[in-house]
Amino acid sequence: MTRITVLPHVEICPQGAVIEAEKGQSLCEALLAHDIGIEHACAQSCACTTCHVLVRAGFDALAAADDLEEDMLDKAWGLEACSRLACQVVVADAPLTVEIPRYSINLAREN
């Protein structure tokens, strides 16, 4: 099992969390399995950016993003060098610290 630290997010995870994830599952799957309601409007098919996360620790241990993920990330709100899509990050052995950005580009949820 791999330890994932989720930094506090005012709506999704106000207290932050530390969870254990199985190697090989996506970060998005791991978060959802622990009741951390990260958005995933495209059903985890790498067709949107609603599961955008900032990998604050462990980024270099992840497999590199492929071209499709890189193209999608260009559309993400608050893009940083450590940005990834949680649906595309495969949990490995290295512990991760992730931050869920305050906003996402999800027109269906906007008021």
PDB file of N, CA and C in Angstrom:
ATOM      1  N   MET A   1       0.834  -1.176   0.000  1.00  0.00           N
ATOM      2  CA  MET A   1       0.000   0.000   0.000  1.00  0.00           C
ATOM      3  C   MET A   1       0.885   1.248   0.000  1.00  0.00           C
ATOM      4  N   THR A   2       0.374   2.273  -0.626  1.00  0.00           N
ATOM      5  CA  THR A   2       1.100   3.540  -0.752  1.00  0.00           C
ATOM      6  C   THR A   2       0.349   4.623  -0.002  1.00  0.00           C
ATOM      7  N   ARG A   3       1.077   5.408   0.755  1.00  0.00           N
ATOM      8  CA  ARG A   3       0.470   6.488   1.530  1.00  0.00           C
ATOM      9  C   ARG A   3       0.283   7.716   0.641  1.00  0.00           C
ATOM     10  N   ILE A   4      -0.934   8.261   0.685  1.00  0.00           N
ATOM     11  CA  ILE A   4      -1.239   9.489  -0.039  1.00  0.00           C
ATOM     12  C   ILE A   4      -1.767  10.505   0.965  1.00  0.00           C
ATOM     13  N   THR A   5      -1.108  11.644   1.024  1.00  0.00           N
ATOM     14  CA  THR A   5      -1.545  12.736   1.876  1.00  0.00           C
ATOM     15  C   THR A   5      -2.291  13.730   1.002  1.00  0.00           C
ATOM     16  N   VAL A   6      -3.510  14.051   1.393  1.00  0.00           N
ATOM     17  CA  VAL A   6      -4.326  15.014   0.669  1.00  0.00           C
ATOM     18  C   VAL A   6      -4.390  16.277   1.515  1.00  0.00           C
ATOM     19  N   LEU A   7      -3.893  17.371   0.957  1.00  0.00           N
ATOM     20  CA  LEU A   7      -3.911  18.634   1.680  1.00  0.00           C
ATOM     21  C   LEU A   7      -5.349  19.153   1.772  1.00  0.00           C
ATOM     22  N   PRO A   8      -5.652  19.942   2.793  1.00  0.00           N
ATOM     23  CA  PRO A   8      -7.024  20.426   2.971  1.00  0.00           C
ATOM     24  C   PRO A   8      -7.547  21.194   1.756  1.00  0.00           C
ATOM     25  N   HIS A   9      -8.800  20.935   1.443  1.00  0.00           N
ATOM     26  CA  HIS A   9      -9.549  21.646   0.396  1.00  0.00           C
ATOM     27  C   HIS A   9     -10.854  22.060   1.045  1.00  0.00           C
ATOM     28  N   VAL A  10     -11.190  23.329   0.966  1.00  0.00           N
ATOM     29  CA  VAL A  10     -12.311  23.884   1.725  1.00  0.00           C
ATOM     30  C   VAL A  10     -13.624  23.133   1.518  1.00  0.00           C
ATOM     31  N   GLU A  11     -13.886  22.594   0.347  1.00  0.00           N
ATOM     32  CA  GLU A  11     -15.150  21.904   0.077  1.00  0.00           C
ATOM     33  C   GLU A  11     -15.018  20.383   0.033  1.00  0.00           C
ATOM     34  N   ILE A  12     -13.995  19.891  -0.621  1.00  0.00           N
ATOM     35  CA  ILE A  12     -13.887  18.451  -0.884  1.00  0.00           C
ATOM     36  C   ILE A  12     -13.312  17.673   0.294  1.00  0.00           C
ATOM     37  N   CYS A  13     -12.359  18.269   0.986  1.00  0.00           N
ATOM     38  CA  CYS A  13     -11.662  17.567   2.073  1.00  0.00           C
ATOM     39  C   CYS A  13     -11.156  18.605   3.083  1.00  0.00           C
ATOM     40  N   PRO A  14     -12.066  19.225   3.841  1.00  0.00           N
ATOM     41  CA  PRO A  14     -11.692  20.365   4.686  1.00  0.00           C
ATOM     42  C   PRO A  14     -10.577  20.091   5.693  1.00  0.00           C
ATOM     43  N   GLN A  15     -10.503  18.899   6.217  1.00  0.00           N
ATOM     44  CA  GLN A  15      -9.482  18.577   7.211  1.00  0.00           C
ATOM     45  C   GLN A  15      -8.216  17.985   6.594  1.00  0.00           C
ATOM     46  N   GLY A  16      -8.233  17.759   5.284  1.00  0.00           N
ATOM     47  CA  GLY A  16      -7.148  17.004   4.673  1.00  0.00           C
ATOM     48  C   GLY A  16      -7.332  15.538   5.030  1.00  0.00           C
ATOM     49  N   ALA A  17      -6.454  14.689   4.523  1.00  0.00           N
ATOM     50  CA  ALA A  17      -6.582  13.254   4.799  1.00  0.00           C
ATOM     51  C   ALA A  17      -5.267  12.551   4.498  1.00  0.00           C
ATOM     52  N   VAL A  18      -5.095  11.430   5.133  1.00  0.00           N
ATOM     53  CA  VAL A  18      -4.004  10.515   4.808  1.00  0.00           C
ATOM     54  C   VAL A  18      -4.670   9.184   4.520  1.00  0.00           C
ATOM     55  N   ILE A  19      -4.457   8.681   3.298  1.00  0.00           N
ATOM     56  CA  ILE A  19      -5.102   7.434   2.890  1.00  0.00           C
ATOM     57  C   ILE A  19      -4.040   6.448   2.404  1.00  0.00           C
ATOM     58  N   GLU A  20      -4.431   5.209   2.309  1.00  0.00           N
ATOM     59  CA  GLU A  20      -3.581   4.163   1.746  1.00  0.00           C
ATOM     60  C   GLU A  20      -4.207   3.719   0.434  1.00  0.00           C
ATOM     61  N   ALA A  21      -3.381   3.617  -0.595  1.00  0.00           N
ATOM     62  CA  ALA A  21      -3.880   3.230  -1.917  1.00  0.00           C
ATOM     63  C   ALA A  21      -3.115   2.014  -2.420  1.00  0.00           C
ATOM     64  N   GLU A  22      -3.784   1.235  -3.221  1.00  0.00           N
ATOM     65  CA  GLU A  22      -3.149   0.065  -3.805  1.00  0.00           C
ATOM     66  C   GLU A  22      -2.314   0.462  -5.012  1.00  0.00           C
ATOM     67  N   LYS A  23      -1.151  -0.114  -5.092  1.00  0.00           N
ATOM     68  CA  LYS A  23      -0.283   0.099  -6.247  1.00  0.00           C
ATOM     69  C   LYS A  23      -1.028  -0.334  -7.509  1.00  0.00           C
ATOM     70  N   GLY A  24      -0.964   0.499  -8.545  1.00  0.00           N
ATOM     71  CA  GLY A  24      -1.591   0.180  -9.822  1.00  0.00           C
ATOM     72  C   GLY A  24      -2.933   0.842 -10.049  1.00  0.00           C
ATOM     73  N   GLN A  25      -3.595   1.318  -8.988  1.00  0.00           N
ATOM     74  CA  GLN A  25      -4.866   1.998  -9.201  1.00  0.00           C
ATOM     75  C   GLN A  25      -4.588   3.473  -9.504  1.00  0.00           C
ATOM     76  N   SER A  26      -5.559   4.122 -10.110  1.00  0.00           N
ATOM     77  CA  SER A  26      -5.371   5.544 -10.396  1.00  0.00           C
ATOM     78  C   SER A  26      -5.539   6.338  -9.107  1.00  0.00           C
ATOM     79  N   LEU A  27      -4.933   7.492  -9.076  1.00  0.00           N
ATOM     80  CA  LEU A  27      -5.077   8.382  -7.935  1.00  0.00           C
ATOM     81  C   LEU A  27      -6.544   8.762  -7.748  1.00  0.00           C
ATOM     82  N   CYS A  28      -7.247   8.996  -8.830  1.00  0.00           N
ATOM     83  CA  CYS A  28      -8.667   9.338  -8.768  1.00  0.00           C
ATOM     84  C   CYS A  28      -9.456   8.203  -8.109  1.00  0.00           C
ATOM     85  N   GLU A  29      -9.218   6.975  -8.510  1.00  0.00           N
ATOM     86  CA  GLU A  29      -9.895   5.823  -7.909  1.00  0.00           C
ATOM     87  C   GLU A  29      -9.611   5.735  -6.415  1.00  0.00           C
ATOM     88  N   ALA A  30      -8.355   5.975  -6.047  1.00  0.00           N
ATOM     89  CA  ALA A  30      -7.968   5.900  -4.637  1.00  0.00           C
ATOM     90  C   ALA A  30      -8.686   6.967  -3.822  1.00  0.00           C
ATOM     91  N   LEU A  31      -8.746   8.186  -4.334  1.00  0.00           N
ATOM     92  CA  LEU A  31      -9.423   9.258  -3.614  1.00  0.00           C
ATOM     93  C   LEU A  31     -10.906   8.950  -3.453  1.00  0.00           C
ATOM     94  N   LEU A  32     -11.544   8.531  -4.526  1.00  0.00           N
ATOM     95  CA  LEU A  32     -12.974   8.221  -4.474  1.00  0.00           C
ATOM     96  C   LEU A  32     -13.261   7.055  -3.524  1.00  0.00           C
ATOM     97  N   ALA A  33     -12.376   6.070  -3.496  1.00  0.00           N
ATOM     98  CA  ALA A  33     -12.557   4.912  -2.618  1.00  0.00           C
ATOM     99  C   ALA A  33     -12.506   5.301  -1.140  1.00  0.00           C
ATOM    100  N   HIS A  34     -11.886   6.441  -0.851  1.00  0.00           N
ATOM    101  CA  HIS A  34     -11.787   6.932   0.525  1.00  0.00           C
ATOM    102  C   HIS A  34     -12.711   8.129   0.768  1.00  0.00           C
ATOM    103  N   ASP A  35     -13.767   8.202  -0.039  1.00  0.00           N
ATOM    104  CA  ASP A  35     -14.798   9.240   0.117  1.00  0.00           C
ATOM    105  C   ASP A  35     -14.279  10.665  -0.015  1.00  0.00           C
ATOM    106  N   ILE A  36     -13.253  10.843  -0.811  1.00  0.00           N
ATOM    107  CA  ILE A  36     -12.772  12.177  -1.154  1.00  0.00           C
ATOM    108  C   ILE A  36     -13.333  12.466  -2.537  1.00  0.00           C
ATOM    109  N   GLY A  37     -14.364  13.302  -2.581  1.00  0.00           N
ATOM    110  CA  GLY A  37     -15.177  13.487  -3.777  1.00  0.00           C
ATOM    111  C   GLY A  37     -14.573  14.373  -4.843  1.00  0.00           C
ATOM    112  N   ILE A  38     -13.409  13.992  -5.334  1.00  0.00           N
ATOM    113  CA  ILE A  38     -12.785  14.746  -6.417  1.00  0.00           C
ATOM    114  C   ILE A  38     -13.672  14.669  -7.662  1.00  0.00           C
ATOM    115  N   GLU A  39     -13.771  15.775  -8.370  1.00  0.00           N
ATOM    116  CA  GLU A  39     -14.573  15.780  -9.590  1.00  0.00           C
ATOM    117  C   GLU A  39     -13.922  14.885 -10.645  1.00  0.00           C
ATOM    118  N   HIS A  40     -14.758  14.298 -11.474  1.00  0.00           N
ATOM    119  CA  HIS A  40     -14.281  13.442 -12.573  1.00  0.00           C
ATOM    120  C   HIS A  40     -15.385  13.376 -13.627  1.00  0.00           C
ATOM    121  N   ALA A  41     -15.640  14.526 -14.228  1.00  0.00           N
ATOM    122  CA  ALA A  41     -16.786  14.697 -15.125  1.00  0.00           C
ATOM    123  C   ALA A  41     -16.756  13.788 -16.349  1.00  0.00           C
ATOM    124  N   CYS A  42     -15.591  13.357 -16.770  1.00  0.00           N
ATOM    125  CA  CYS A  42     -15.498  12.526 -17.979  1.00  0.00           C
ATOM    126  C   CYS A  42     -15.416  11.040 -17.649  1.00  0.00           C
ATOM    127  N   ALA A  43     -15.758  10.677 -16.421  1.00  0.00           N
ATOM    128  CA  ALA A  43     -15.703   9.280 -15.982  1.00  0.00           C
ATOM    129  C   ALA A  43     -14.295   8.704 -16.086  1.00  0.00           C
ATOM    130  N   GLN A  44     -13.303   9.542 -15.803  1.00  0.00           N
ATOM    131  CA  GLN A  44     -11.894   9.140 -15.744  1.00  0.00           C
ATOM    132  C   GLN A  44     -11.334   8.678 -17.086  1.00  0.00           C
ATOM    133  N   SER A  45     -11.754   9.339 -18.158  1.00  0.00           N
ATOM    134  CA  SER A  45     -11.292   8.939 -19.493  1.00  0.00           C
ATOM    135  C   SER A  45     -10.299   9.927 -20.109  1.00  0.00           C
ATOM    136  N   CYS A  46      -9.775  10.834 -19.317  1.00  0.00           N
ATOM    137  CA  CYS A  46      -8.801  11.828 -19.781  1.00  0.00           C
ATOM    138  C   CYS A  46      -9.393  12.721 -20.876  1.00  0.00           C
ATOM    139  N   ALA A  47     -10.656  13.125 -20.665  1.00  0.00           N
ATOM    140  CA  ALA A  47     -11.326  13.971 -21.648  1.00  0.00           C
ATOM    141  C   ALA A  47     -11.722  15.323 -21.068  1.00  0.00           C
ATOM    142  N   CYS A  48     -11.323  15.593 -19.831  1.00  0.00           N
ATOM    143  CA  CYS A  48     -11.603  16.890 -19.212  1.00  0.00           C
ATOM    144  C   CYS A  48     -10.465  17.181 -18.238  1.00  0.00           C
ATOM    145  N   THR A  49     -10.618  18.191 -17.439  1.00  0.00           N
ATOM    146  CA  THR A  49      -9.565  18.510 -16.463  1.00  0.00           C
ATOM    147  C   THR A  49     -10.127  18.628 -15.050  1.00  0.00           C
ATOM    148  N   THR A  50     -11.302  18.084 -14.806  1.00  0.00           N
ATOM    149  CA  THR A  50     -11.931  18.289 -13.507  1.00  0.00           C
ATOM    150  C   THR A  50     -11.227  17.547 -12.372  1.00  0.00           C
ATOM    151  N   CYS A  51     -10.407  16.556 -12.666  1.00  0.00           N
ATOM    152  CA  CYS A  51      -9.670  15.834 -11.619  1.00  0.00           C
ATOM    153  C   CYS A  51      -8.221  16.333 -11.498  1.00  0.00           C
ATOM    154  N   HIS A  52      -7.993  17.538 -11.965  1.00  0.00           N
ATOM    155  CA  HIS A  52      -6.663  18.159 -11.883  1.00  0.00           C
ATOM    156  C   HIS A  52      -6.194  18.216 -10.432  1.00  0.00           C
ATOM    157  N   VAL A  53      -4.972  17.767 -10.193  1.00  0.00           N
ATOM    158  CA  VAL A  53      -4.351  17.856  -8.872  1.00  0.00           C
ATOM    159  C   VAL A  53      -2.941  18.426  -9.015  1.00  0.00           C
ATOM    160  N   LEU A  54      -2.442  18.930  -7.910  1.00  0.00           N
ATOM    161  CA  LEU A  54      -1.061  19.395  -7.827  1.00  0.00           C
ATOM    162  C   LEU A  54      -0.323  18.388  -6.958  1.00  0.00           C
ATOM    163  N   VAL A  55       0.678  17.749  -7.508  1.00  0.00           N
ATOM    164  CA  VAL A  55       1.440  16.748  -6.765  1.00  0.00           C
ATOM    165  C   VAL A  55       2.576  17.479  -6.068  1.00  0.00           C
ATOM    166  N   ARG A  56       2.388  17.754  -4.784  1.00  0.00           N
ATOM    167  CA  ARG A  56       3.334  18.564  -4.005  1.00  0.00           C
ATOM    168  C   ARG A  56       4.544  17.769  -3.534  1.00  0.00           C
ATOM    169  N   ALA A  57       4.423  16.457  -3.410  1.00  0.00           N
ATOM    170  CA  ALA A  57       5.552  15.598  -3.060  1.00  0.00           C
ATOM    171  C   ALA A  57       5.359  14.266  -3.759  1.00  0.00           C
ATOM    172  N   GLY A  58       6.449  13.726  -4.291  1.00  0.00           N
ATOM    173  CA  GLY A  58       6.411  12.446  -4.991  1.00  0.00           C
ATOM    174  C   GLY A  58       6.244  12.566  -6.495  1.00  0.00           C
ATOM    175  N   PHE A  59       6.213  13.778  -7.003  1.00  0.00           N
ATOM    176  CA  PHE A  59       5.989  14.004  -8.436  1.00  0.00           C
ATOM    177  C   PHE A  59       7.025  13.282  -9.293  1.00  0.00           C
ATOM    178  N   ASP A  60       8.291  13.369  -8.902  1.00  0.00           N
ATOM    179  CA  ASP A  60       9.362  12.778  -9.719  1.00  0.00           C
ATOM    180  C   ASP A  60       9.325  11.255  -9.752  1.00  0.00           C
ATOM    181  N   ALA A  61       8.626  10.643  -8.815  1.00  0.00           N
ATOM    182  CA  ALA A  61       8.524   9.182  -8.787  1.00  0.00           C
ATOM    183  C   ALA A  61       7.418   8.651  -9.695  1.00  0.00           C
ATOM    184  N   LEU A  62       6.588   9.552 -10.215  1.00  0.00           N
ATOM    185  CA  LEU A  62       5.483   9.135 -11.080  1.00  0.00           C
ATOM    186  C   LEU A  62       5.957   8.913 -12.511  1.00  0.00           C
ATOM    187  N   ALA A  63       5.268   8.031 -13.215  1.00  0.00           N
ATOM    188  CA  ALA A  63       5.514   7.892 -14.652  1.00  0.00           C
ATOM    189  C   ALA A  63       5.149   9.220 -15.318  1.00  0.00           C
ATOM    190  N   ALA A  64       5.854   9.550 -16.374  1.00  0.00           N
ATOM    191  CA  ALA A  64       5.608  10.811 -17.069  1.00  0.00           C
ATOM    192  C   ALA A  64       4.209  10.835 -17.684  1.00  0.00           C
ATOM    193  N   ALA A  65       3.642  12.027 -17.751  1.00  0.00           N
ATOM    194  CA  ALA A  65       2.343  12.200 -18.407  1.00  0.00           C
ATOM    195  C   ALA A  65       2.501  11.941 -19.903  1.00  0.00           C
ATOM    196  N   ASP A  66       1.499  11.301 -20.504  1.00  0.00           N
ATOM    197  CA  ASP A  66       1.552  11.090 -21.955  1.00  0.00           C
ATOM    198  C   ASP A  66       1.047  12.349 -22.665  1.00  0.00           C
ATOM    199  N   ASP A  67       1.100  12.330 -23.991  1.00  0.00           N
ATOM    200  CA  ASP A  67       0.733  13.508 -24.782  1.00  0.00           C
ATOM    201  C   ASP A  67      -0.718  13.926 -24.579  1.00  0.00           C
ATOM    202  N   LEU A  68      -1.634  12.964 -24.459  1.00  0.00           N
ATOM    203  CA  LEU A  68      -3.043  13.297 -24.264  1.00  0.00           C
ATOM    204  C   LEU A  68      -3.247  14.033 -22.935  1.00  0.00           C
ATOM    205  N   GLU A  69      -2.632  13.504 -21.873  1.00  0.00           N
ATOM    206  CA  GLU A  69      -2.750  14.175 -20.579  1.00  0.00           C
ATOM    207  C   GLU A  69      -2.145  15.573 -20.631  1.00  0.00           C
ATOM    208  N   GLU A  70      -0.987  15.706 -21.252  1.00  0.00           N
ATOM    209  CA  GLU A  70      -0.342  17.019 -21.371  1.00  0.00           C
ATOM    210  C   GLU A  70      -1.249  17.996 -22.115  1.00  0.00           C
ATOM    211  N   ASP A  71      -1.880  17.531 -23.187  1.00  0.00           N
ATOM    212  CA  ASP A  71      -2.792  18.396 -23.951  1.00  0.00           C
ATOM    213  C   ASP A  71      -3.983  18.830 -23.096  1.00  0.00           C
ATOM    214  N   MET A  72      -4.534  17.912 -22.320  1.00  0.00           N
ATOM    215  CA  MET A  72      -5.667  18.244 -21.462  1.00  0.00           C
ATOM    216  C   MET A  72      -5.248  19.204 -20.349  1.00  0.00           C
ATOM    217  N   LEU A  73      -4.075  18.987 -19.789  1.00  0.00           N
ATOM    218  CA  LEU A  73      -3.602  19.851 -18.706  1.00  0.00           C
ATOM    219  C   LEU A  73      -3.477  21.306 -19.145  1.00  0.00           C
ATOM    220  N   ASP A  74      -3.210  21.521 -20.419  1.00  0.00           N
ATOM    221  CA  ASP A  74      -3.111  22.899 -20.917  1.00  0.00           C
ATOM    222  C   ASP A  74      -4.403  23.683 -20.686  1.00  0.00           C
ATOM    223  N   LYS A  75      -5.514  22.976 -20.471  1.00  0.00           N
ATOM    224  CA  LYS A  75      -6.816  23.614 -20.277  1.00  0.00           C
ATOM    225  C   LYS A  75      -7.187  23.756 -18.800  1.00  0.00           C
ATOM    226  N   ALA A  76      -6.369  23.223 -17.915  1.00  0.00           N
ATOM    227  CA  ALA A  76      -6.704  23.194 -16.487  1.00  0.00           C
ATOM    228  C   ALA A  76      -6.553  24.562 -15.846  1.00  0.00           C
ATOM    229  N   TRP A  77      -7.423  24.831 -14.859  1.00  0.00           N
ATOM    230  CA  TRP A  77      -7.329  26.054 -14.082  1.00  0.00           C
ATOM    231  C   TRP A  77      -6.169  25.925 -13.094  1.00  0.00           C
ATOM    232  N   GLY A  78      -5.339  26.950 -12.998  1.00  0.00           N
ATOM    233  CA  GLY A  78      -4.262  26.951 -12.013  1.00  0.00           C
ATOM    234  C   GLY A  78      -3.125  26.004 -12.327  1.00  0.00           C
ATOM    235  N   LEU A  79      -2.838  25.822 -13.595  1.00  0.00           N
ATOM    236  CA  LEU A  79      -1.786  24.894 -14.027  1.00  0.00           C
ATOM    237  C   LEU A  79      -0.439  25.265 -13.408  1.00  0.00           C
ATOM    238  N   GLU A  80       0.267  24.265 -12.903  1.00  0.00           N
ATOM    239  CA  GLU A  80       1.613  24.425 -12.363  1.00  0.00           C
ATOM    240  C   GLU A  80       2.495  23.305 -12.908  1.00  0.00           C
ATOM    241  N   ALA A  81       3.781  23.422 -12.684  1.00  0.00           N
ATOM    242  CA  ALA A  81       4.718  22.404 -13.171  1.00  0.00           C
ATOM    243  C   ALA A  81       4.436  21.032 -12.560  1.00  0.00           C
ATOM    244  N   CYS A  82       3.813  21.004 -11.388  1.00  0.00           N
ATOM    245  CA  CYS A  82       3.519  19.732 -10.708  1.00  0.00           C
ATOM    246  C   CYS A  82       2.078  19.268 -10.949  1.00  0.00           C
ATOM    247  N   SER A  83       1.414  19.829 -11.948  1.00  0.00           N
ATOM    248  CA  SER A  83       0.029  19.463 -12.256  1.00  0.00           C
ATOM    249  C   SER A  83      -0.058  18.103 -12.933  1.00  0.00           C
ATOM    250  N   ARG A  84      -1.077  17.340 -12.544  1.00  0.00           N
ATOM    251  CA  ARG A  84      -1.406  16.070 -13.192  1.00  0.00           C
ATOM    252  C   ARG A  84      -2.907  15.892 -13.142  1.00  0.00           C
ATOM    253  N   LEU A  85      -3.415  14.975 -13.947  1.00  0.00           N
ATOM    254  CA  LEU A  85      -4.807  14.578 -13.869  1.00  0.00           C
ATOM    255  C   LEU A  85      -4.868  13.314 -13.017  1.00  0.00           C
ATOM    256  N   ALA A  86      -5.677  13.351 -11.964  1.00  0.00           N
ATOM    257  CA  ALA A  86      -5.735  12.228 -11.024  1.00  0.00           C
ATOM    258  C   ALA A  86      -6.163  10.932 -11.709  1.00  0.00           C
ATOM    259  N   CYS A  87      -6.943  11.041 -12.780  1.00  0.00           N
ATOM    260  CA  CYS A  87      -7.380   9.828 -13.482  1.00  0.00           C
ATOM    261  C   CYS A  87      -6.243   9.168 -14.254  1.00  0.00           C
ATOM    262  N   GLN A  88      -5.159   9.885 -14.463  1.00  0.00           N
ATOM    263  CA  GLN A  88      -4.038   9.353 -15.242  1.00  0.00           C
ATOM    264  C   GLN A  88      -2.828   8.988 -14.380  1.00  0.00           C
ATOM    265  N   VAL A  89      -2.809   9.437 -13.142  1.00  0.00           N
ATOM    266  CA  VAL A  89      -1.705   9.110 -12.241  1.00  0.00           C
ATOM    267  C   VAL A  89      -1.913   7.697 -11.712  1.00  0.00           C
ATOM    268  N   VAL A  90      -0.946   6.832 -11.958  1.00  0.00           N
ATOM    269  CA  VAL A  90      -0.993   5.465 -11.452  1.00  0.00           C
ATOM    270  C   VAL A  90      -0.180   5.417 -10.165  1.00  0.00           C
ATOM    271  N   VAL A  91      -0.818   4.981  -9.099  1.00  0.00           N
ATOM    272  CA  VAL A  91      -0.152   4.896  -7.806  1.00  0.00           C
ATOM    273  C   VAL A  91       0.953   3.853  -7.892  1.00  0.00           C
ATOM    274  N   ALA A  92       2.142   4.247  -7.436  1.00  0.00           N
ATOM    275  CA  ALA A  92       3.286   3.334  -7.419  1.00  0.00           C
ATOM    276  C   ALA A  92       3.706   3.139  -5.959  1.00  0.00           C
ATOM    277  N   ASP A  93       4.988   2.956  -5.709  1.00  0.00           N
ATOM    278  CA  ASP A  93       5.475   2.701  -4.354  1.00  0.00           C
ATOM    279  C   ASP A  93       5.728   3.975  -3.554  1.00  0.00           C
ATOM    280  N   ALA A  94       6.052   5.071  -4.234  1.00  0.00           N
ATOM    281  CA  ALA A  94       6.429   6.294  -3.540  1.00  0.00           C
ATOM    282  C   ALA A  94       5.220   7.005  -2.951  1.00  0.00           C
ATOM    283  N   PRO A  95       5.326   7.463  -1.710  1.00  0.00           N
ATOM    284  CA  PRO A  95       4.232   8.228  -1.131  1.00  0.00           C
ATOM    285  C   PRO A  95       4.016   9.533  -1.898  1.00  0.00           C
ATOM    286  N   LEU A  96       2.783  10.006  -1.888  1.00  0.00           N
ATOM    287  CA  LEU A  96       2.421  11.224  -2.602  1.00  0.00           C
ATOM    288  C   LEU A  96       1.760  12.212  -1.651  1.00  0.00           C
ATOM    289  N   THR A  97       1.969  13.484  -1.919  1.00  0.00           N
ATOM    290  CA  THR A  97       1.203  14.548  -1.276  1.00  0.00           C
ATOM    291  C   THR A  97       0.551  15.318  -2.396  1.00  0.00           C
ATOM    292  N   VAL A  98      -0.778  15.422  -2.352  1.00  0.00           N
ATOM    293  CA  VAL A  98      -1.508  16.088  -3.427  1.00  0.00           C
ATOM    294  C   VAL A  98      -2.386  17.200  -2.875  1.00  0.00           C
ATOM    295  N   GLU A  99      -2.561  18.201  -3.707  1.00  0.00           N
ATOM    296  CA  GLU A  99      -3.453  19.306  -3.405  1.00  0.00           C
ATOM    297  C   GLU A  99      -4.490  19.368  -4.521  1.00  0.00           C
ATOM    298  N   ILE A 100      -5.738  19.451  -4.138  1.00  0.00           N
ATOM    299  CA  ILE A 100      -6.813  19.613  -5.112  1.00  0.00           C
ATOM    300  C   ILE A 100      -7.033  21.112  -5.273  1.00  0.00           C
ATOM    301  N   PRO A 101      -6.871  21.641  -6.479  1.00  0.00           N
ATOM    302  CA  PRO A 101      -7.028  23.085  -6.661  1.00  0.00           C
ATOM    303  C   PRO A 101      -8.412  23.578  -6.235  1.00  0.00           C
ATOM    304  N   ARG A 102      -8.471  24.814  -5.859  1.00  0.00           N
ATOM    305  CA  ARG A 102      -9.722  25.424  -5.367  1.00  0.00           C
ATOM    306  C   ARG A 102     -10.816  25.397  -6.430  1.00  0.00           C
ATOM    307  N   TYR A 103     -10.446  25.548  -7.689  1.00  0.00           N
ATOM    308  CA  TYR A 103     -11.424  25.610  -8.773  1.00  0.00           C
ATOM    309  C   TYR A 103     -11.110  24.574  -9.838  1.00  0.00           C
ATOM    310  N   SER A 104     -12.136  24.218 -10.601  1.00  0.00           N
ATOM    311  CA  SER A 104     -11.947  23.377 -11.779  1.00  0.00           C
ATOM    312  C   SER A 104     -12.784  23.964 -12.902  1.00  0.00           C
ATOM    313  N   ILE A 105     -12.506  23.524 -14.084  1.00  0.00           N
ATOM    314  CA  ILE A 105     -13.287  23.972 -15.229  1.00  0.00           C
ATOM    315  C   ILE A 105     -14.363  22.918 -15.473  1.00  0.00           C
ATOM    316  N   ASN A 106     -15.469  23.060 -14.745  1.00  0.00           N
ATOM    317  CA  ASN A 106     -16.580  22.133 -14.868  1.00  0.00           C
ATOM    318  C   ASN A 106     -17.834  22.981 -15.041  1.00  0.00           C
ATOM    319  N   LEU A 107     -18.201  23.234 -16.273  1.00  0.00           N
ATOM    320  CA  LEU A 107     -19.320  24.095 -16.572  1.00  0.00           C
ATOM    321  C   LEU A 107     -20.633  23.552 -16.022  1.00  0.00           C
ATOM    322  N   ALA A 108     -20.739  22.263 -15.854  1.00  0.00           N
ATOM    323  CA  ALA A 108     -21.972  21.660 -15.348  1.00  0.00           C
ATOM    324  C   ALA A 108     -22.207  22.001 -13.884  1.00  0.00           C
ATOM    325  N   ARG A 109     -21.156  22.296 -13.133  1.00  0.00           N
ATOM    326  CA  ARG A 109     -21.291  22.591 -11.704  1.00  0.00           C
ATOM    327  C   ARG A 109     -21.339  24.069 -11.393  1.00  0.00           C
ATOM    328  N   GLU A 110     -20.962  24.915 -12.347  1.00  0.00           N
ATOM    329  CA  GLU A 110     -20.927  26.348 -12.081  1.00  0.00           C
ATOM    330  C   GLU A 110     -22.332  26.911 -11.937  1.00  0.00           C
ATOM    331  N   ASN A 111     -22.479  27.845 -11.022  1.00  0.00           N
ATOM    332  CA  ASN A 111     -23.784  28.483 -10.807  1.00  0.00           C
ATOM    333  C   ASN A 111     -23.922  29.692 -11.697  1.00  0.00           C
TER     334      ASN A 111
END
